[in-house]
Amino acid sequence: MNNSLTMRRNSTRITGFTIALLGAFLMSLDPIFIRFAGVSGFDTAFLFGLFSAISMPIILKCSDERGIKKAVITSGWPLLLSGVLMLGSASGLVFSIKTTSIANTFIILSATPAVAAIFSWLILREKTSRSTLVAIAFVVVGITIVVSGSFGSGNWVGDVLALFSVICLSLMFTLLRKYQEVSRLASVGFGGLLLAIVMFFFATPSSYTTETWIIMGAMGLFTAPVGRVLSMVATRHITAPEVSMTLMLETVLAPIWAFIFFHETPPVTSVMGGVIILISILIYTLISIKNDQ
């Protein structure tokens, strides 16, 4: 009986980490679309929100047996708060990428696990395991190495916006960890709707080219919302700090995409720090799974 329970728990954690890793991969593609869109931050955020608000209800209707109306009602007030937090996280990310380097943005985003661990302790009273603390410590070392070679590559406004995105994202993970009944799809869809409504007053849709619509459609209809849904779904299987820790794969992948598509060559220190971060994630994931066997 105990062996069966252990196997189920282990399978659940493996599922959670797999989902979170896939979400991280998809979200790491965001800067590619944002840069190629060729429009302002307000326009990019508007299109991101618009397409997310369109795609999520469709996916929800097809995948949730409760249907859209019941899923929203069942989710209750936490759905509203998670949507607001997504509004903050997504807008912070878009404007940060527009105003500072991709490496800078994702380096700061990698602080998410530490912030999520603090919120989980304060709000959920969840104990943070020793392995999580050790992993975060190594990640901080990696971040320090990266930042040491990245001074002056961006500006402080973009860095502050990235930090704002981190706080919103960490709070959202913690909220969804506590309220398991909240529809992740409805949360992303509502957040996208809020983003589109807020940014509409600053955007200029009439000036968009066909290429802009296609690029942002690919991001807003698929990679960005699906990546965020996967990160939210992962909180049903693993803790908020664990999800945030795994999503730090973005920190490694985003600068790689920046190099491939925009020829942004990261310094040696950034590569070294990225390697430390990636290895920390892999070792942490393996240890977490082994401890629950």
C-alpha atoms as a PDB file:
ATOM      1  CA  MET A   1       0.000   0.000   0.000  1.00  0.00           C
ATOM      2  CA  ASN A   2       2.792   2.381   0.956  1.00  0.00           C
ATOM      3  CA  ASN A   3       4.758   1.428  -2.161  1.00  0.00           C
ATOM      4  CA  SER A   4       1.720   2.149  -4.324  1.00  0.00           C
ATOM      5  CA  LEU A   5       1.222   5.532  -2.655  1.00  0.00           C
ATOM      6  CA  THR A   6       4.900   6.376  -3.078  1.00  0.00           C
ATOM      7  CA  MET A   7       4.792   5.431  -6.758  1.00  0.00           C
ATOM      8  CA  ARG A   8       1.767   7.667  -7.323  1.00  0.00           C
ATOM      9  CA  ARG A   9       3.424  10.591  -5.537  1.00  0.00           C
ATOM     10  CA  ASN A  10       6.621  10.097  -7.507  1.00  0.00           C
ATOM     11  CA  SER A  11       4.684   9.899 -10.773  1.00  0.00           C
ATOM     12  CA  THR A  12       2.839  13.107  -9.889  1.00  0.00           C
ATOM     13  CA  ARG A  13       6.087  14.958  -9.181  1.00  0.00           C
ATOM     14  CA  ILE A  14       7.679  13.729 -12.407  1.00  0.00           C
ATOM     15  CA  THR A  15       4.588  14.944 -14.271  1.00  0.00           C
ATOM     16  CA  GLY A  16       4.796  18.311 -12.520  1.00  0.00           C
ATOM     17  CA  PHE A  17       8.446  18.857 -13.375  1.00  0.00           C
ATOM     18  CA  THR A  18       7.916  17.750 -16.990  1.00  0.00           C
ATOM     19  CA  ILE A  19       4.995  20.162 -17.431  1.00  0.00           C
ATOM     20  CA  ALA A  20       6.964  23.019 -15.850  1.00  0.00           C
ATOM     21  CA  LEU A  21       9.992  22.388 -18.096  1.00  0.00           C
ATOM     22  CA  LEU A  22       7.843  22.435 -21.232  1.00  0.00           C
ATOM     23  CA  GLY A  23       6.216  25.655 -20.027  1.00  0.00           C
ATOM     24  CA  ALA A  24       9.645  27.197 -19.486  1.00  0.00           C
ATOM     25  CA  PHE A  25      10.719  26.281 -23.010  1.00  0.00           C
ATOM     26  CA  LEU A  26       7.646  27.887 -24.586  1.00  0.00           C
ATOM     27  CA  MET A  27       7.900  31.055 -22.476  1.00  0.00           C
ATOM     28  CA  SER A  28      11.579  31.424 -23.341  1.00  0.00           C
ATOM     29  CA  LEU A  29      10.440  32.084 -26.917  1.00  0.00           C
ATOM     30  CA  ASP A  30       8.590  35.281 -25.892  1.00  0.00           C
ATOM     31  CA  PRO A  31      11.474  37.690 -26.603  1.00  0.00           C
ATOM     32  CA  ILE A  32      11.806  36.393 -30.160  1.00  0.00           C
ATOM     33  CA  PHE A  33       8.221  37.322 -31.006  1.00  0.00           C
ATOM     34  CA  ILE A  34       8.338  40.582 -29.045  1.00  0.00           C
ATOM     35  CA  ARG A  35      11.458  41.792 -30.836  1.00  0.00           C
ATOM     36  CA  PHE A  36      10.319  40.652 -34.302  1.00  0.00           C
ATOM     37  CA  ALA A  37       6.873  42.267 -33.913  1.00  0.00           C
ATOM     38  CA  GLY A  38       8.416  45.658 -34.618  1.00  0.00           C
ATOM     39  CA  VAL A  39       5.862  47.656 -32.600  1.00  0.00           C
ATOM     40  CA  SER A  40       5.876  49.492 -29.283  1.00  0.00           C
ATOM     41  CA  GLY A  41       5.584  47.837 -25.895  1.00  0.00           C
ATOM     42  CA  PHE A  42       1.944  48.958 -25.569  1.00  0.00           C
ATOM     43  CA  ASP A  43       1.077  47.458 -28.951  1.00  0.00           C
ATOM     44  CA  THR A  44       2.929  44.233 -28.200  1.00  0.00           C
ATOM     45  CA  ALA A  45       1.195  43.857 -24.836  1.00  0.00           C
ATOM     46  CA  PHE A  46      -2.199  44.621 -26.424  1.00  0.00           C
ATOM     47  CA  LEU A  47      -1.768  41.948 -29.102  1.00  0.00           C
ATOM     48  CA  PHE A  48      -0.428  39.441 -26.583  1.00  0.00           C
ATOM     49  CA  GLY A  49      -3.451  39.969 -24.372  1.00  0.00           C
ATOM     50  CA  LEU A  50      -5.927  39.994 -27.258  1.00  0.00           C
ATOM     51  CA  PHE A  51      -4.802  36.672 -28.711  1.00  0.00           C
ATOM     52  CA  SER A  52      -4.560  35.071 -25.265  1.00  0.00           C
ATOM     53  CA  ALA A  53      -8.133  36.161 -24.522  1.00  0.00           C
ATOM     54  CA  ILE A  54      -9.225  34.536 -27.803  1.00  0.00           C
ATOM     55  CA  SER A  55      -7.304  31.262 -27.523  1.00  0.00           C
ATOM     56  CA  MET A  56      -7.888  30.371 -23.880  1.00  0.00           C
ATOM     57  CA  PRO A  57     -11.733  30.166 -23.924  1.00  0.00           C
ATOM     58  CA  ILE A  58     -11.513  27.900 -26.987  1.00  0.00           C
ATOM     59  CA  ILE A  59      -9.033  25.561 -25.315  1.00  0.00           C
ATOM     60  CA  LEU A  60     -11.035  25.683 -22.075  1.00  0.00           C
ATOM     61  CA  LYS A  61     -14.267  24.717 -23.834  1.00  0.00           C
ATOM     62  CA  CYS A  62     -12.558  21.770 -25.538  1.00  0.00           C
ATOM     63  CA  SER A  63     -10.584  20.481 -22.546  1.00  0.00           C
ATOM     64  CA  ASP A  64     -12.641  21.242 -19.416  1.00  0.00           C
ATOM     65  CA  GLU A  65     -15.790  19.155 -18.974  1.00  0.00           C
ATOM     66  CA  ARG A  66     -17.226  21.859 -16.723  1.00  0.00           C
ATOM     67  CA  GLY A  67     -17.521  24.273 -19.614  1.00  0.00           C
ATOM     68  CA  ILE A  68     -16.512  27.939 -19.613  1.00  0.00           C
ATOM     69  CA  LYS A  69     -19.305  29.306 -17.423  1.00  0.00           C
ATOM     70  CA  LYS A  70     -19.048  26.667 -14.705  1.00  0.00           C
ATOM     71  CA  ALA A  71     -15.244  26.732 -14.710  1.00  0.00           C
ATOM     72  CA  VAL A  72     -15.271  30.491 -14.128  1.00  0.00           C
ATOM     73  CA  ILE A  73     -17.922  30.305 -11.403  1.00  0.00           C
ATOM     74  CA  THR A  74     -16.158  27.417  -9.650  1.00  0.00           C
ATOM     75  CA  SER A  75     -12.850  29.267  -9.720  1.00  0.00           C
ATOM     76  CA  GLY A  76     -14.375  32.162  -7.764  1.00  0.00           C
ATOM     77  CA  TRP A  77     -12.537  35.286  -6.642  1.00  0.00           C
ATOM     78  CA  PRO A  78      -9.022  33.722  -6.862  1.00  0.00           C
ATOM     79  CA  LEU A  79      -9.546  33.717 -10.642  1.00  0.00           C
ATOM     80  CA  LEU A  80      -9.909  37.492 -10.613  1.00  0.00           C
ATOM     81  CA  LEU A  81      -6.764  37.962  -8.549  1.00  0.00           C
ATOM     82  CA  SER A  82      -4.714  35.522 -10.645  1.00  0.00           C
ATOM     83  CA  GLY A  83      -5.827  37.408 -13.775  1.00  0.00           C
ATOM     84  CA  VAL A  84      -4.669  40.700 -12.293  1.00  0.00           C
ATOM     85  CA  LEU A  85      -1.330  39.126 -11.346  1.00  0.00           C
ATOM     86  CA  MET A  86      -0.915  37.799 -14.868  1.00  0.00           C
ATOM     87  CA  LEU A  87      -1.649  41.287 -16.185  1.00  0.00           C
ATOM     88  CA  GLY A  88       1.215  42.609 -14.073  1.00  0.00           C
ATOM     89  CA  SER A  89       3.588  39.774 -14.929  1.00  0.00           C
ATOM     90  CA  ALA A  90       2.983  39.839 -18.690  1.00  0.00           C
ATOM     91  CA  SER A  91       3.099  43.633 -19.039  1.00  0.00           C
ATOM     92  CA  GLY A  92       6.249  43.810 -16.922  1.00  0.00           C
ATOM     93  CA  LEU A  93       7.897  41.183 -19.114  1.00  0.00           C
ATOM     94  CA  VAL A  94       6.959  42.860 -22.407  1.00  0.00           C
ATOM     95  CA  PHE A  95       8.128  46.331 -21.399  1.00  0.00           C
ATOM     96  CA  SER A  96      11.296  44.974 -19.808  1.00  0.00           C
ATOM     97  CA  ILE A  97      12.288  43.199 -23.012  1.00  0.00           C
ATOM     98  CA  LYS A  98      11.556  46.402 -24.930  1.00  0.00           C
ATOM     99  CA  THR A  99      13.708  48.575 -22.655  1.00  0.00           C
ATOM    100  CA  THR A 100      16.641  46.384 -21.667  1.00  0.00           C
ATOM    101  CA  SER A 101      18.586  43.396 -22.976  1.00  0.00           C
ATOM    102  CA  ILE A 102      16.991  39.954 -23.159  1.00  0.00           C
ATOM    103  CA  ALA A 103      19.756  38.579 -20.929  1.00  0.00           C
ATOM    104  CA  ASN A 104      19.135  41.227 -18.268  1.00  0.00           C
ATOM    105  CA  THR A 105      15.390  40.563 -18.247  1.00  0.00           C
ATOM    106  CA  PHE A 106      15.691  36.819 -17.822  1.00  0.00           C
ATOM    107  CA  ILE A 107      18.522  37.045 -15.331  1.00  0.00           C
ATOM    108  CA  ILE A 108      16.242  39.068 -13.072  1.00  0.00           C
ATOM    109  CA  LEU A 109      13.336  36.710 -13.770  1.00  0.00           C
ATOM    110  CA  SER A 110      15.478  33.912 -12.402  1.00  0.00           C
ATOM    111  CA  ALA A 111      14.988  35.415  -8.933  1.00  0.00           C
ATOM    112  CA  THR A 112      11.413  34.041  -9.058  1.00  0.00           C
ATOM    113  CA  PRO A 113      12.082  30.860  -7.004  1.00  0.00           C
ATOM    114  CA  ALA A 114      13.534  32.809  -4.100  1.00  0.00           C
ATOM    115  CA  VAL A 115      10.591  35.220  -4.107  1.00  0.00           C
ATOM    116  CA  ALA A 116       8.096  32.354  -4.506  1.00  0.00           C
ATOM    117  CA  ALA A 117       9.666  30.507  -1.579  1.00  0.00           C
ATOM    118  CA  ILE A 118       9.234  33.592   0.596  1.00  0.00           C
ATOM    119  CA  PHE A 119       5.599  34.046  -0.435  1.00  0.00           C
ATOM    120  CA  SER A 120       4.873  30.336   0.090  1.00  0.00           C
ATOM    121  CA  TRP A 121       6.291  30.577   3.598  1.00  0.00           C
ATOM    122  CA  LEU A 122       4.428  33.791   4.420  1.00  0.00           C
ATOM    123  CA  ILE A 123       1.092  32.936   2.830  1.00  0.00           C
ATOM    124  CA  LEU A 124       0.874  29.137   2.748  1.00  0.00           C
ATOM    125  CA  ARG A 125       3.217  28.353   5.638  1.00  0.00           C
ATOM    126  CA  GLU A 126       4.904  25.781   3.403  1.00  0.00           C
ATOM    127  CA  LYS A 127       8.293  24.636   4.592  1.00  0.00           C
ATOM    128  CA  THR A 128      11.067  25.172   2.080  1.00  0.00           C
ATOM    129  CA  SER A 129      13.226  22.053   1.862  1.00  0.00           C
ATOM    130  CA  ARG A 130      16.980  22.106   2.314  1.00  0.00           C
ATOM    131  CA  SER A 131      17.487  21.008  -1.297  1.00  0.00           C
ATOM    132  CA  THR A 132      15.407  23.983  -2.484  1.00  0.00           C
ATOM    133  CA  LEU A 133      17.479  26.397  -0.402  1.00  0.00           C
ATOM    134  CA  VAL A 134      20.754  24.881  -1.642  1.00  0.00           C
ATOM    135  CA  ALA A 135      19.560  25.026  -5.250  1.00  0.00           C
ATOM    136  CA  ILE A 136      18.517  28.662  -4.859  1.00  0.00           C
ATOM    137  CA  ALA A 137      21.933  29.436  -3.368  1.00  0.00           C
ATOM    138  CA  PHE A 138      23.710  27.963  -6.399  1.00  0.00           C
ATOM    139  CA  VAL A 139      21.339  29.780  -8.719  1.00  0.00           C
ATOM    140  CA  VAL A 140      22.139  33.057  -6.954  1.00  0.00           C
ATOM    141  CA  VAL A 141      25.825  32.326  -7.552  1.00  0.00           C
ATOM    142  CA  GLY A 142      25.068  31.786 -11.243  1.00  0.00           C
ATOM    143  CA  ILE A 143      23.065  34.997 -11.419  1.00  0.00           C
ATOM    144  CA  THR A 144      25.875  36.923  -9.714  1.00  0.00           C
ATOM    145  CA  ILE A 145      28.368  35.654 -12.289  1.00  0.00           C
ATOM    146  CA  VAL A 146      26.055  36.596 -15.159  1.00  0.00           C
ATOM    147  CA  VAL A 147      25.312  40.062 -13.793  1.00  0.00           C
ATOM    148  CA  SER A 148      29.011  40.720 -13.181  1.00  0.00           C
ATOM    149  CA  GLY A 149      29.545  40.620 -16.920  1.00  0.00           C
ATOM    150  CA  SER A 150      26.322  42.399 -17.859  1.00  0.00           C
ATOM    151  CA  PHE A 151      26.598  45.771 -16.130  1.00  0.00           C
ATOM    152  CA  GLY A 152      25.587  48.564 -18.459  1.00  0.00           C
ATOM    153  CA  SER A 153      23.851  46.257 -20.962  1.00  0.00           C
ATOM    154  CA  GLY A 154      20.428  47.587 -20.005  1.00  0.00           C
ATOM    155  CA  ASN A 155      18.848  50.406 -18.076  1.00  0.00           C
ATOM    156  CA  TRP A 156      17.346  50.536 -14.616  1.00  0.00           C
ATOM    157  CA  VAL A 157      13.764  51.037 -15.846  1.00  0.00           C
ATOM    158  CA  GLY A 158      13.814  47.723 -17.693  1.00  0.00           C
ATOM    159  CA  ASP A 159      15.377  46.021 -14.699  1.00  0.00           C
ATOM    160  CA  VAL A 160      12.687  47.362 -12.346  1.00  0.00           C
ATOM    161  CA  LEU A 161       9.967  46.189 -14.735  1.00  0.00           C
ATOM    162  CA  ALA A 162      11.495  42.707 -14.776  1.00  0.00           C
ATOM    163  CA  LEU A 163      11.528  42.709 -10.966  1.00  0.00           C
ATOM    164  CA  PHE A 164       7.848  43.740 -10.949  1.00  0.00           C
ATOM    165  CA  SER A 165       7.112  40.809 -13.266  1.00  0.00           C
ATOM    166  CA  VAL A 166       8.920  38.472 -10.865  1.00  0.00           C
ATOM    167  CA  ILE A 167       6.820  39.587  -7.893  1.00  0.00           C
ATOM    168  CA  CYS A 168       3.541  39.158  -9.786  1.00  0.00           C
ATOM    169  CA  LEU A 169       4.546  35.758 -11.159  1.00  0.00           C
ATOM    170  CA  SER A 170       5.622  34.478  -7.746  1.00  0.00           C
ATOM    171  CA  LEU A 171       2.386  35.627  -6.131  1.00  0.00           C
ATOM    172  CA  MET A 172       0.360  33.981  -8.902  1.00  0.00           C
ATOM    173  CA  PHE A 173       2.134  30.635  -8.437  1.00  0.00           C
ATOM    174  CA  THR A 174       1.554  30.796  -4.701  1.00  0.00           C
ATOM    175  CA  LEU A 175      -2.126  31.705  -5.122  1.00  0.00           C
ATOM    176  CA  LEU A 176      -2.764  28.844  -7.545  1.00  0.00           C
ATOM    177  CA  ARG A 177      -0.937  26.425  -5.270  1.00  0.00           C
ATOM    178  CA  LYS A 178      -3.372  27.299  -2.478  1.00  0.00           C
ATOM    179  CA  TYR A 179      -6.537  27.354  -4.602  1.00  0.00           C
ATOM    180  CA  GLN A 180      -6.304  24.167  -6.657  1.00  0.00           C
ATOM    181  CA  GLU A 181      -9.838  24.497  -8.051  1.00  0.00           C
ATOM    182  CA  VAL A 182      -9.003  27.616 -10.065  1.00  0.00           C
ATOM    183  CA  SER A 183      -9.074  26.946 -13.809  1.00  0.00           C
ATOM    184  CA  ARG A 184      -5.604  27.637 -15.159  1.00  0.00           C
ATOM    185  CA  LEU A 185      -6.990  28.231 -18.642  1.00  0.00           C
ATOM    186  CA  ALA A 186      -9.595  30.685 -17.376  1.00  0.00           C
ATOM    187  CA  SER A 187      -6.893  32.466 -15.381  1.00  0.00           C
ATOM    188  CA  VAL A 188      -4.686  33.013 -18.428  1.00  0.00           C
ATOM    189  CA  GLY A 189      -7.681  33.988 -20.560  1.00  0.00           C
ATOM    190  CA  PHE A 190      -8.904  36.531 -18.031  1.00  0.00           C
ATOM    191  CA  GLY A 191      -5.405  37.925 -17.582  1.00  0.00           C
ATOM    192  CA  GLY A 192      -5.121  38.295 -21.355  1.00  0.00           C
ATOM    193  CA  LEU A 193      -8.472  40.080 -21.507  1.00  0.00           C
ATOM    194  CA  LEU A 194      -7.387  42.534 -18.809  1.00  0.00           C
ATOM    195  CA  LEU A 195      -4.095  43.119 -20.632  1.00  0.00           C
ATOM    196  CA  ALA A 196      -5.874  43.809 -23.935  1.00  0.00           C
ATOM    197  CA  ILE A 197      -8.367  46.191 -22.317  1.00  0.00           C
ATOM    198  CA  VAL A 198      -5.739  48.191 -20.425  1.00  0.00           C
ATOM    199  CA  MET A 199      -3.294  48.417 -23.345  1.00  0.00           C
ATOM    200  CA  PHE A 200      -5.974  49.230 -25.925  1.00  0.00           C
ATOM    201  CA  PHE A 201      -6.052  52.829 -24.718  1.00  0.00           C
ATOM    202  CA  PHE A 202      -2.348  53.203 -25.550  1.00  0.00           C
ATOM    203  CA  ALA A 203      -2.072  50.973 -28.647  1.00  0.00           C
ATOM    204  CA  THR A 204      -2.508  51.879 -32.332  1.00  0.00           C
ATOM    205  CA  PRO A 205      -3.964  48.771 -34.062  1.00  0.00           C
ATOM    206  CA  SER A 206      -4.543  50.600 -37.329  1.00  0.00           C
ATOM    207  CA  SER A 207      -0.786  50.883 -37.868  1.00  0.00           C
ATOM    208  CA  TYR A 208      -0.032  47.128 -37.634  1.00  0.00           C
ATOM    209  CA  THR A 209       1.330  45.304 -40.668  1.00  0.00           C
ATOM    210  CA  THR A 210       0.226  41.810 -41.675  1.00  0.00           C
ATOM    211  CA  GLU A 211       3.587  40.524 -40.471  1.00  0.00           C
ATOM    212  CA  THR A 212       2.989  42.000 -37.010  1.00  0.00           C
ATOM    213  CA  TRP A 213      -0.427  40.303 -36.758  1.00  0.00           C
ATOM    214  CA  ILE A 214       1.069  36.936 -37.784  1.00  0.00           C
ATOM    215  CA  ILE A 215       4.030  37.143 -35.424  1.00  0.00           C
ATOM    216  CA  MET A 216       2.002  38.202 -32.428  1.00  0.00           C
ATOM    217  CA  GLY A 217      -0.724  35.718 -33.352  1.00  0.00           C
ATOM    218  CA  ALA A 218       1.785  32.876 -33.085  1.00  0.00           C
ATOM    219  CA  MET A 219       2.878  34.152 -29.685  1.00  0.00           C
ATOM    220  CA  GLY A 220      -0.518  35.164 -28.330  1.00  0.00           C
ATOM    221  CA  LEU A 221      -2.428  32.129 -29.597  1.00  0.00           C
ATOM    222  CA  PHE A 222       0.113  29.469 -28.772  1.00  0.00           C
ATOM    223  CA  THR A 223       3.525  29.802 -27.170  1.00  0.00           C
ATOM    224  CA  ALA A 224       2.874  32.469 -24.525  1.00  0.00           C
ATOM    225  CA  PRO A 225      -0.530  31.375 -23.187  1.00  0.00           C
ATOM    226  CA  VAL A 226       0.195  27.650 -23.410  1.00  0.00           C
ATOM    227  CA  GLY A 227       3.531  28.122 -21.651  1.00  0.00           C
ATOM    228  CA  ARG A 228       1.844  30.018 -18.832  1.00  0.00           C
ATOM    229  CA  VAL A 229      -0.976  27.492 -18.565  1.00  0.00           C
ATOM    230  CA  LEU A 230       1.555  24.688 -18.251  1.00  0.00           C
ATOM    231  CA  SER A 231       3.400  26.556 -15.492  1.00  0.00           C
ATOM    232  CA  MET A 232       0.103  27.005 -13.644  1.00  0.00           C
ATOM    233  CA  VAL A 233      -0.936  23.362 -14.122  1.00  0.00           C
ATOM    234  CA  ALA A 234       2.417  22.290 -12.683  1.00  0.00           C
ATOM    235  CA  THR A 235       1.454  23.878  -9.338  1.00  0.00           C
ATOM    236  CA  ARG A 236      -1.093  21.076  -8.910  1.00  0.00           C
ATOM    237  CA  HIS A 237       1.721  18.543  -8.763  1.00  0.00           C
ATOM    238  CA  ILE A 238       4.676  20.346  -7.196  1.00  0.00           C
ATOM    239  CA  THR A 239       5.143  23.365  -4.898  1.00  0.00           C
ATOM    240  CA  ALA A 240       5.309  26.979  -6.074  1.00  0.00           C
ATOM    241  CA  PRO A 241       9.072  27.307  -5.368  1.00  0.00           C
ATOM    242  CA  GLU A 242       9.692  24.068  -7.285  1.00  0.00           C
ATOM    243  CA  VAL A 243       7.740  25.342 -10.284  1.00  0.00           C
ATOM    244  CA  SER A 244       9.599  28.652 -10.188  1.00  0.00           C
ATOM    245  CA  MET A 245      12.914  26.854  -9.840  1.00  0.00           C
ATOM    246  CA  THR A 246      12.228  24.689 -12.883  1.00  0.00           C
ATOM    247  CA  LEU A 247      11.025  27.646 -14.943  1.00  0.00           C
ATOM    248  CA  MET A 248      14.456  29.169 -14.545  1.00  0.00           C
ATOM    249  CA  LEU A 249      15.370  27.164 -17.614  1.00  0.00           C
ATOM    250  CA  GLU A 250      14.118  30.321 -19.355  1.00  0.00           C
ATOM    251  CA  THR A 251      17.168  32.148 -18.027  1.00  0.00           C
ATOM    252  CA  VAL A 252      19.422  29.835 -19.992  1.00  0.00           C
ATOM    253  CA  LEU A 253      17.371  29.508 -23.175  1.00  0.00           C
ATOM    254  CA  ALA A 254      16.379  33.166 -23.718  1.00  0.00           C
ATOM    255  CA  PRO A 255      19.969  34.459 -24.204  1.00  0.00           C
ATOM    256  CA  ILE A 256      20.583  31.539 -26.560  1.00  0.00           C
ATOM    257  CA  TRP A 257      17.615  32.597 -28.707  1.00  0.00           C
ATOM    258  CA  ALA A 258      18.858  36.194 -28.529  1.00  0.00           C
ATOM    259  CA  PHE A 259      22.215  35.078 -29.937  1.00  0.00           C
ATOM    260  CA  ILE A 260      20.679  32.932 -32.684  1.00  0.00           C
ATOM    261  CA  PHE A 261      18.066  35.436 -33.878  1.00  0.00           C
ATOM    262  CA  PHE A 262      19.484  38.856 -32.953  1.00  0.00           C
ATOM    263  CA  HIS A 263      23.218  38.185 -32.689  1.00  0.00           C
ATOM    264  CA  GLU A 264      23.271  39.382 -29.069  1.00  0.00           C
ATOM    265  CA  THR A 265      26.483  37.747 -27.937  1.00  0.00           C
ATOM    266  CA  PRO A 266      26.518  37.181 -24.175  1.00  0.00           C
ATOM    267  CA  PRO A 267      29.870  37.585 -22.410  1.00  0.00           C
ATOM    268  CA  VAL A 268      31.748  34.571 -21.079  1.00  0.00           C
ATOM    269  CA  THR A 269      30.500  35.331 -17.578  1.00  0.00           C
ATOM    270  CA  SER A 270      26.893  35.037 -18.761  1.00  0.00           C
ATOM    271  CA  VAL A 271      27.613  31.649 -20.311  1.00  0.00           C
ATOM    272  CA  MET A 272      29.324  30.455 -17.125  1.00  0.00           C
ATOM    273  CA  GLY A 273      26.476  31.649 -14.951  1.00  0.00           C
ATOM    274  CA  GLY A 274      23.907  30.096 -17.273  1.00  0.00           C
ATOM    275  CA  VAL A 275      25.646  26.731 -17.101  1.00  0.00           C
ATOM    276  CA  ILE A 276      25.620  26.856 -13.282  1.00  0.00           C
ATOM    277  CA  ILE A 277      21.913  27.709 -13.290  1.00  0.00           C
ATOM    278  CA  LEU A 278      21.040  24.895 -15.695  1.00  0.00           C
ATOM    279  CA  ILE A 279      23.049  22.296 -13.781  1.00  0.00           C
ATOM    280  CA  SER A 280      21.449  23.463 -10.524  1.00  0.00           C
ATOM    281  CA  ILE A 281      17.971  22.973 -12.007  1.00  0.00           C
ATOM    282  CA  LEU A 282      18.773  19.487 -13.264  1.00  0.00           C
ATOM    283  CA  ILE A 283      20.377  18.303 -10.026  1.00  0.00           C
ATOM    284  CA  TYR A 284      17.619  19.844  -7.923  1.00  0.00           C
ATOM    285  CA  THR A 285      14.928  18.133  -9.987  1.00  0.00           C
ATOM    286  CA  LEU A 286      16.635  14.734  -9.686  1.00  0.00           C
ATOM    287  CA  ILE A 287      17.158  15.109  -5.925  1.00  0.00           C
ATOM    288  CA  SER A 288      13.547  16.205  -5.377  1.00  0.00           C
ATOM    289  CA  ILE A 289      12.246  13.149  -7.227  1.00  0.00           C
ATOM    290  CA  LYS A 290      14.661  10.777  -5.449  1.00  0.00           C
ATOM    291  CA  ASN A 291      13.686  12.106  -1.991  1.00  0.00           C
ATOM    292  CA  ASP A 292      10.057  11.168  -2.628  1.00  0.00           C
ATOM    293  CA  GLN A 293      10.791   7.621  -3.744  1.00  0.00           C
END
